[in-house]
């Protein structure tokens, strides 16, 4: 079972998935305190279930605990963005290079089809929303690397924190058309089995995305 074939087997799983989505999507604001009492009422589960979900979210790096404060959603900061995107640039660049070597033709064609299906929304509305998992361009390439250690590091370690920055600050506005075109070029390099070019293009794409989000963060201050 891969990362995005998770099933909500228990009430704890369901609460974890719901809370994770609300945090990533920004429905629960970055920096917000997480109250076990309020969340248990909201989701109609026990405080113990909420506590377990919060502990799992802490492992996903989107919730943090501070002494005398308790659990809070992480704050999106320029410093955090820089550190996170330095890691993304290196690891996702590697993933793109490996995908050019190992990603089956059928998966590359599916990725191209995914991008084609998103074209109208991007070009006409300046919105480039990607759901988590198989509908996410970046996740598809991570999986396409076929390196299990790399997949685990990215999907279990920083994926949802990266999505917080991307969903809340990077999926709307003038840059989305350019970002979409960059995705097209990355897939073309992978399809041509040019791993060196795929890595260069992915690293450059993530640098540009970081710069775009950094501007938005600075404007929020």
Protein backbone atom coordinates (compact mmCIF):
# COMPACT_ATOMS: atom_id res chain seq x y z
CA UNK A 1 0.00 0.00 0.00
CA UNK A 2 1.59 3.28 -1.04
CA UNK A 3 1.41 6.58 0.77
CA UNK A 4 -1.81 7.79 -0.81
CA UNK A 5 -3.69 4.51 -0.64
CA UNK A 6 -4.26 5.06 3.07
CA UNK A 7 -7.69 4.03 4.29
CA UNK A 8 -9.47 5.48 7.30
CA UNK A 9 -9.73 2.23 9.23
CA UNK A 10 -10.36 3.79 12.64
CA UNK A 11 -11.89 7.01 13.94
CA UNK A 12 -8.32 8.11 14.71
CA UNK A 13 -7.36 7.65 11.05
CA UNK A 14 -10.40 9.60 9.87
CA UNK A 15 -9.71 12.45 12.30
CA UNK A 16 -6.06 12.52 11.30
CA UNK A 17 -6.90 12.75 7.58
CA UNK A 18 -9.56 15.44 8.13
CA UNK A 19 -7.36 17.56 10.36
CA UNK A 20 -4.38 17.18 8.05
CA UNK A 21 -6.41 18.36 5.07
CA UNK A 22 -7.84 21.36 6.93
CA UNK A 23 -4.35 22.43 8.00
CA UNK A 24 -2.76 21.98 4.58
CA UNK A 25 -5.63 23.77 2.83
CA UNK A 26 -5.47 26.66 5.29
CA UNK A 27 -8.96 26.13 6.75
CA UNK A 28 -7.15 25.96 10.08
CA UNK A 29 -4.74 28.87 9.90
CA UNK A 30 -0.99 28.52 10.17
CA UNK A 31 0.12 29.32 13.71
CA UNK A 32 -3.27 28.42 15.22
CA UNK A 33 -3.43 26.69 18.57
CA UNK A 34 -5.03 23.25 18.44
CA UNK A 35 -7.51 22.69 21.25
CA UNK A 36 -8.25 19.05 22.00
CA UNK A 37 -11.61 20.03 23.53
CA UNK A 38 -12.72 22.10 20.53
CA UNK A 39 -11.53 19.55 17.98
CA UNK A 40 -13.14 16.63 19.81
CA UNK A 41 -16.45 18.50 19.67
CA UNK A 42 -15.98 19.45 16.03
CA UNK A 43 -15.15 15.93 14.86
CA UNK A 44 -17.39 14.18 17.42
CA UNK A 45 -14.60 11.99 18.76
CA UNK A 46 -12.84 11.63 22.11
CA UNK A 47 -9.97 13.83 23.19
CA UNK A 48 -7.74 10.76 23.10
CA UNK A 49 -8.49 10.33 19.39
CA UNK A 50 -7.70 13.99 18.75
CA UNK A 51 -4.50 13.74 20.76
CA UNK A 52 -3.35 10.77 18.68
CA UNK A 53 -4.14 12.64 15.45
CA UNK A 54 -2.16 15.66 16.64
CA UNK A 55 0.81 13.43 17.49
CA UNK A 56 0.72 12.01 13.96
CA UNK A 57 0.54 15.50 12.47
CA UNK A 58 3.59 16.46 14.51
CA UNK A 59 5.44 13.60 12.80
CA UNK A 60 4.34 15.11 9.44
CA UNK A 61 6.05 18.39 10.44
CA UNK A 62 2.88 20.48 10.13
CA UNK A 63 2.17 20.67 13.87
CA UNK A 64 4.60 21.58 16.63
CA UNK A 65 4.48 21.52 20.41
CA UNK A 66 5.92 24.28 22.56
CA UNK A 67 6.37 24.36 26.31
CA UNK A 68 3.53 26.15 28.11
CA UNK A 69 1.72 26.61 24.81
CA UNK A 70 0.73 23.17 23.60
CA UNK A 71 0.15 22.06 20.04
CA UNK A 72 0.06 24.62 17.25
CA UNK A 73 -0.05 24.51 13.48
CA UNK A 74 3.38 25.47 12.18
CA UNK A 75 3.83 29.06 11.04
CA UNK A 76 4.79 29.65 7.41
CA UNK A 77 7.94 31.77 7.50
CA UNK A 78 10.59 32.95 5.07
CA UNK A 79 13.23 31.06 7.04
CA UNK A 80 11.19 27.87 7.04
CA UNK A 81 10.52 28.25 3.32
CA UNK A 82 14.22 28.59 2.53
CA UNK A 83 15.22 25.50 4.52
CA UNK A 84 12.36 23.40 3.15
CA UNK A 85 12.91 24.39 -0.48
CA UNK A 86 16.65 23.78 -0.26
CA UNK A 87 15.77 20.19 0.65
CA UNK A 88 13.07 19.99 -2.05
CA UNK A 89 15.42 21.31 -4.70
CA UNK A 90 18.04 18.67 -3.97
CA UNK A 91 15.76 15.68 -3.43
CA UNK A 92 13.14 16.40 -6.08
CA UNK A 93 15.88 17.21 -8.56
CA UNK A 94 17.25 13.75 -7.85
CA UNK A 95 13.76 12.28 -8.18
CA UNK A 96 13.35 13.84 -11.64
CA UNK A 97 16.70 12.45 -12.77
CA UNK A 98 15.82 8.98 -11.51
CA UNK A 99 12.34 9.18 -13.04
CA UNK A 100 13.98 9.79 -16.43
CA UNK A 101 15.83 6.52 -15.89
CA UNK A 102 13.12 4.36 -14.35
CA UNK A 103 9.61 5.78 -14.88
CA UNK A 104 7.65 3.45 -17.23
CA UNK A 105 6.40 4.92 -20.49
CA UNK A 106 2.79 4.32 -19.42
CA UNK A 107 3.28 6.42 -16.27
CA UNK A 108 4.93 9.21 -18.24
CA UNK A 109 1.98 9.22 -20.64
CA UNK A 110 -0.43 9.37 -17.69
CA UNK A 111 1.49 12.33 -16.27
CA UNK A 112 1.31 14.11 -19.63
CA UNK A 113 -2.44 13.45 -19.74
CA UNK A 114 -2.80 14.83 -16.22
CA UNK A 115 -1.13 18.06 -17.29
CA UNK A 116 -3.27 18.30 -20.42
CA UNK A 117 -6.39 17.99 -18.28
CA UNK A 118 -5.28 20.92 -16.11
CA UNK A 119 -4.41 23.25 -18.99
CA UNK A 120 -7.71 25.11 -19.31
CA UNK A 121 -7.91 25.91 -15.60
CA UNK A 122 -4.33 27.20 -15.59
CA UNK A 123 -4.47 29.24 -18.78
CA UNK A 124 -7.95 30.69 -18.29
CA UNK A 125 -8.24 31.15 -14.53
CA UNK A 126 -4.64 31.50 -13.31
CA UNK A 127 -5.30 28.72 -10.82
CA UNK A 128 -3.16 25.60 -10.63
CA UNK A 129 -4.63 23.54 -7.81
CA UNK A 130 -3.29 20.01 -7.43
CA UNK A 131 -4.78 17.56 -4.98
CA UNK A 132 -2.49 15.36 -2.94
CA UNK A 133 -1.20 12.07 -4.26
CA UNK A 134 -1.73 10.83 -7.79
CA UNK A 135 -3.21 14.16 -8.95
CA UNK A 136 -0.07 15.99 -7.84
CA UNK A 137 2.60 16.44 -10.52
CA UNK A 138 5.42 16.45 -7.98
CA UNK A 139 4.21 13.35 -6.18
CA UNK A 140 3.95 11.41 -9.45
CA UNK A 141 7.59 12.16 -10.23
CA UNK A 142 8.69 11.25 -6.71
CA UNK A 143 7.01 7.85 -7.10
CA UNK A 144 8.39 7.57 -10.63
CA UNK A 145 11.93 7.70 -9.23
CA UNK A 146 11.34 4.14 -7.95
CA UNK A 147 13.78 4.84 -5.11
CA UNK A 148 11.94 3.74 -1.98
CA UNK A 149 14.22 5.60 0.42
CA UNK A 150 13.69 8.82 -1.51
CA UNK A 151 9.94 8.27 -1.73
CA UNK A 152 9.74 7.73 2.03
CA UNK A 153 11.86 10.79 2.82
CA UNK A 154 9.74 13.04 0.64
CA UNK A 155 6.24 11.64 1.12
CA UNK A 156 6.39 10.84 4.82
CA UNK A 157 8.82 13.56 5.83
CA UNK A 158 8.13 16.90 4.18
CA UNK A 159 5.35 16.37 1.62
CA UNK A 160 2.48 17.91 3.60
CA UNK A 161 4.56 20.81 4.88
CA UNK A 162 5.58 21.55 1.30
CA UNK A 163 1.92 21.35 0.29
CA UNK A 164 1.03 23.92 2.94
CA UNK A 165 3.33 26.44 1.28
CA UNK A 166 2.26 25.44 -2.23
CA UNK A 167 -1.51 25.32 -1.63
CA UNK A 168 -1.75 28.45 0.49
CA UNK A 169 0.79 30.61 -1.33
CA UNK A 170 1.80 29.07 -4.65
CA UNK A 171 -1.20 27.79 -6.60
CA UNK A 172 -2.79 31.08 -7.69
CA UNK A 173 -1.56 34.26 -9.31
CA UNK A 174 0.50 35.25 -12.35
CA UNK A 175 3.23 32.63 -11.84
CA UNK A 176 0.97 29.58 -12.23
CA UNK A 177 1.05 29.71 -16.04
CA UNK A 178 4.84 29.75 -16.01
CA UNK A 179 4.93 26.96 -13.42
CA UNK A 180 2.63 24.88 -15.59
CA UNK A 181 4.90 25.38 -18.62
CA UNK A 182 7.89 24.37 -16.49
CA UNK A 183 6.07 21.14 -15.62
CA UNK A 184 5.55 20.46 -19.33
CA UNK A 185 9.29 20.86 -20.01
CA UNK A 186 10.22 18.59 -17.07
CA UNK A 187 7.93 15.82 -18.32
CA UNK A 188 9.34 16.21 -21.83
CA UNK A 189 12.88 15.75 -20.48
CA UNK A 190 11.77 12.66 -18.54
CA UNK A 191 10.05 11.26 -21.64
CA UNK A 192 13.27 11.82 -23.61
CA UNK A 193 15.18 9.96 -20.88
CA UNK A 194 17.39 12.99 -20.32
CA UNK A 195 18.00 12.71 -16.61
CA UNK A 196 20.52 15.53 -16.42
CA UNK A 197 18.14 18.01 -18.04
CA UNK A 198 15.17 16.77 -15.97
CA UNK A 199 17.13 17.42 -12.76
CA UNK A 200 18.26 20.88 -13.87
CA UNK A 201 14.73 21.87 -14.87
CA UNK A 202 13.21 20.55 -11.63
CA UNK A 203 15.78 22.33 -9.46
CA UNK A 204 15.24 25.56 -11.36
CA UNK A 205 11.45 25.17 -11.12
CA UNK A 206 11.60 24.78 -7.34
CA UNK A 207 13.94 27.78 -7.04
CA UNK A 208 11.47 29.93 -8.99
CA UNK A 209 8.58 28.66 -6.87
CA UNK A 210 10.48 29.46 -3.69
CA UNK A 211 11.17 33.00 -4.89
CA UNK A 212 7.50 33.51 -5.76
CA UNK A 213 6.29 32.30 -2.36
CA UNK A 214 8.97 34.35 -0.57
CA UNK A 215 7.59 37.53 -2.16
CA UNK A 216 4.07 36.65 -1.01
CA UNK A 217 5.30 35.95 2.52
CA UNK A 218 7.12 39.28 2.68
CA UNK A 219 4.00 41.09 1.50
CA UNK A 220 2.01 39.53 4.34
CA UNK A 221 4.21 41.07 7.02
